[in-house]
Each structure stands twice: as C-alpha cells, then as structure tokens.
Amino acid sequence: MDDRCELGQWLHSVGQNQYGSMSEFQEIMKLHHDFHRCVQEVVDIYIAEGAGVAKCELAGNFQKKSAMVQEQIVRFFDNI
C-alpha cells in the first residue's frame, strides 16, 4: 500500500537501489509505512464513526506520523 504515492514509488525503486543500505533511508521506509497504516486507520474511523472522529485523528496521530516522515527525510538529505 505504501508504494502507490510518489514518495513510495521512489522509495521502493530508485531510493531502495541507491540508498537501501543507509540506516536513515531504512528509517524513512519504516516511518512511511507507518504513516500509510495511519492513513488507513483514519479511513476506517471515518467509515465506522464519521467525519468528526476522523478529523480528530487527522489532527493527532496522522499529523504526528506525517511530521516524523518529513523530519526523517531532512535527516536523510543531511547524510547523503
């Protein structure tokens, strides 16, 4: 599921081939996967409990996971 967005496509192709051995890259892969899992959770919450509860999740865990991916990308760029 995490290989469908533009970042995921790059991570699973060029990124993996060129940087797959770097711990910073491996951490991006993990965090990116976790982010997509969180996205699915928000969708599931929306379906089960409605938009109000889903919006709360967007403002909480979703935003946190997104920020973690972004921060790790910056660390990765600092090390290549």
C-alpha atoms as a PDB file:
ATOM      1  CA  MET A   1       0.000   0.000   0.000  1.00  0.00           C
ATOM      2  CA  ASP A   2       2.854   2.433   0.695  1.00  0.00           C
ATOM      3  CA  ASP A   3       4.271   2.130  -2.820  1.00  0.00           C
ATOM      4  CA  ARG A   4       1.426   3.939  -4.590  1.00  0.00           C
ATOM      5  CA  CYS A   5       2.157   7.561  -3.675  1.00  0.00           C
ATOM      6  CA  GLU A   6       5.002   9.417  -5.373  1.00  0.00           C
ATOM      7  CA  LEU A   7       7.284   9.152  -2.361  1.00  0.00           C
ATOM      8  CA  GLY A   8       6.543   5.450  -2.010  1.00  0.00           C
ATOM      9  CA  GLN A   9       7.230   4.809  -5.682  1.00  0.00           C
ATOM     10  CA  TRP A  10      10.621   6.480  -5.327  1.00  0.00           C
ATOM     11  CA  LEU A  11      11.403   4.738  -2.035  1.00  0.00           C
ATOM     12  CA  HIS A  12      10.638   1.291  -3.463  1.00  0.00           C
ATOM     13  CA  SER A  13      12.616   1.813  -6.673  1.00  0.00           C
ATOM     14  CA  VAL A  14      15.417   4.358  -7.086  1.00  0.00           C
ATOM     15  CA  GLY A  15      15.699   5.054  -3.384  1.00  0.00           C
ATOM     16  CA  GLN A  16      15.981   1.389  -2.423  1.00  0.00           C
ATOM     17  CA  ASN A  17      18.521   0.715  -5.163  1.00  0.00           C
ATOM     18  CA  GLN A  18      20.750   3.676  -4.345  1.00  0.00           C
ATOM     19  CA  TYR A  19      20.308   4.165  -0.598  1.00  0.00           C
ATOM     20  CA  GLY A  20      18.830   0.943   0.749  1.00  0.00           C
ATOM     21  CA  SER A  21      21.842   0.199   2.941  1.00  0.00           C
ATOM     22  CA  MET A  22      21.680   3.541   4.773  1.00  0.00           C
ATOM     23  CA  SER A  23      20.040   3.447   8.197  1.00  0.00           C
ATOM     24  CA  GLU A  24      18.499   6.869   7.529  1.00  0.00           C
ATOM     25  CA  PHE A  25      16.818   5.510   4.412  1.00  0.00           C
ATOM     26  CA  GLN A  26      15.619   2.394   6.211  1.00  0.00           C
ATOM     27  CA  GLU A  27      14.049   4.612   8.864  1.00  0.00           C
ATOM     28  CA  ILE A  28      12.198   6.595   6.178  1.00  0.00           C
ATOM     29  CA  MET A  29      10.849   3.305   4.815  1.00  0.00           C
ATOM     30  CA  LYS A  30       9.579   2.302   8.261  1.00  0.00           C
ATOM     31  CA  LEU A  31       8.057   5.689   9.055  1.00  0.00           C
ATOM     32  CA  HIS A  32       6.488   5.962   5.602  1.00  0.00           C
ATOM     33  CA  HIS A  33       4.897   2.535   6.039  1.00  0.00           C
ATOM     34  CA  ASP A  34       3.618   3.544   9.496  1.00  0.00           C
ATOM     35  CA  PHE A  35       2.180   6.743   8.013  1.00  0.00           C
ATOM     36  CA  HIS A  36       0.222   4.798   5.405  1.00  0.00           C
ATOM     37  CA  ARG A  37      -1.061   2.465   8.098  1.00  0.00           C
ATOM     38  CA  CYS A  38      -2.263   5.557   9.955  1.00  0.00           C
ATOM     39  CA  VAL A  39      -3.983   6.825   6.798  1.00  0.00           C
ATOM     40  CA  GLN A  40      -5.875   3.541   6.576  1.00  0.00           C
ATOM     41  CA  GLU A  41      -6.860   3.867  10.228  1.00  0.00           C
ATOM     42  CA  VAL A  42      -8.276   7.351   9.564  1.00  0.00           C
ATOM     43  CA  VAL A  43     -10.312   5.968   6.658  1.00  0.00           C
ATOM     44  CA  ASP A  44     -11.559   3.112   8.836  1.00  0.00           C
ATOM     45  CA  ILE A  45     -12.500   5.557  11.607  1.00  0.00           C
ATOM     46  CA  TYR A  46     -14.332   7.740   9.100  1.00  0.00           C
ATOM     47  CA  ILE A  47     -16.338   4.763   7.860  1.00  0.00           C
ATOM     48  CA  ALA A  48     -17.112   3.450  11.346  1.00  0.00           C
ATOM     49  CA  GLU A  49     -17.517   6.624  13.378  1.00  0.00           C
ATOM     50  CA  GLY A  50     -17.926   9.530  10.989  1.00  0.00           C
ATOM     51  CA  ALA A  51     -16.096  12.649   9.950  1.00  0.00           C
ATOM     52  CA  GLY A  52     -15.894  14.272  13.382  1.00  0.00           C
ATOM     53  CA  VAL A  53     -13.893  11.462  14.937  1.00  0.00           C
ATOM     54  CA  ALA A  54     -11.765  11.089  11.803  1.00  0.00           C
ATOM     55  CA  LYS A  55     -10.919  14.807  11.908  1.00  0.00           C
ATOM     56  CA  CYS A  56      -9.686  14.405  15.477  1.00  0.00           C
ATOM     57  CA  GLU A  57      -7.426  11.590  14.340  1.00  0.00           C
ATOM     58  CA  LEU A  58      -6.132  13.763  11.484  1.00  0.00           C
ATOM     59  CA  ALA A  59      -5.191  16.459  13.984  1.00  0.00           C
ATOM     60  CA  GLY A  60      -3.467  13.939  16.234  1.00  0.00           C
ATOM     61  CA  ASN A  61      -1.713  10.751  15.201  1.00  0.00           C
ATOM     62  CA  PHE A  62      -1.924  11.429  11.454  1.00  0.00           C
ATOM     63  CA  GLN A  63      -0.220  14.801  11.788  1.00  0.00           C
ATOM     64  CA  LYS A  64       2.424  13.333  14.103  1.00  0.00           C
ATOM     65  CA  LYS A  65       3.256  10.494  11.692  1.00  0.00           C
ATOM     66  CA  SER A  66       3.449  12.903   8.760  1.00  0.00           C
ATOM     67  CA  ALA A  67       5.854  15.162  10.660  1.00  0.00           C
ATOM     68  CA  MET A  68       8.032  12.184  11.583  1.00  0.00           C
ATOM     69  CA  VAL A  69       8.386  11.204   7.914  1.00  0.00           C
ATOM     70  CA  GLN A  70       9.271  14.767   6.965  1.00  0.00           C
ATOM     71  CA  GLU A  71      11.862  15.084   9.733  1.00  0.00           C
ATOM     72  CA  GLN A  72      13.492  11.809   8.736  1.00  0.00           C
ATOM     73  CA  ILE A  73      13.668  12.896   5.100  1.00  0.00           C
ATOM     74  CA  VAL A  74      15.573  16.002   6.215  1.00  0.00           C
ATOM     75  CA  ARG A  75      17.981  13.829   8.277  1.00  0.00           C
ATOM     76  CA  PHE A  76      18.432  11.567   5.261  1.00  0.00           C
ATOM     77  CA  PHE A  77      19.262  14.526   2.992  1.00  0.00           C
ATOM     78  CA  ASP A  78      21.753  15.768   5.573  1.00  0.00           C
ATOM     79  CA  ASN A  79      23.604  12.439   5.308  1.00  0.00           C
ATOM     80  CA  ILE A  80      23.819  11.900   1.561  1.00  0.00           C
END
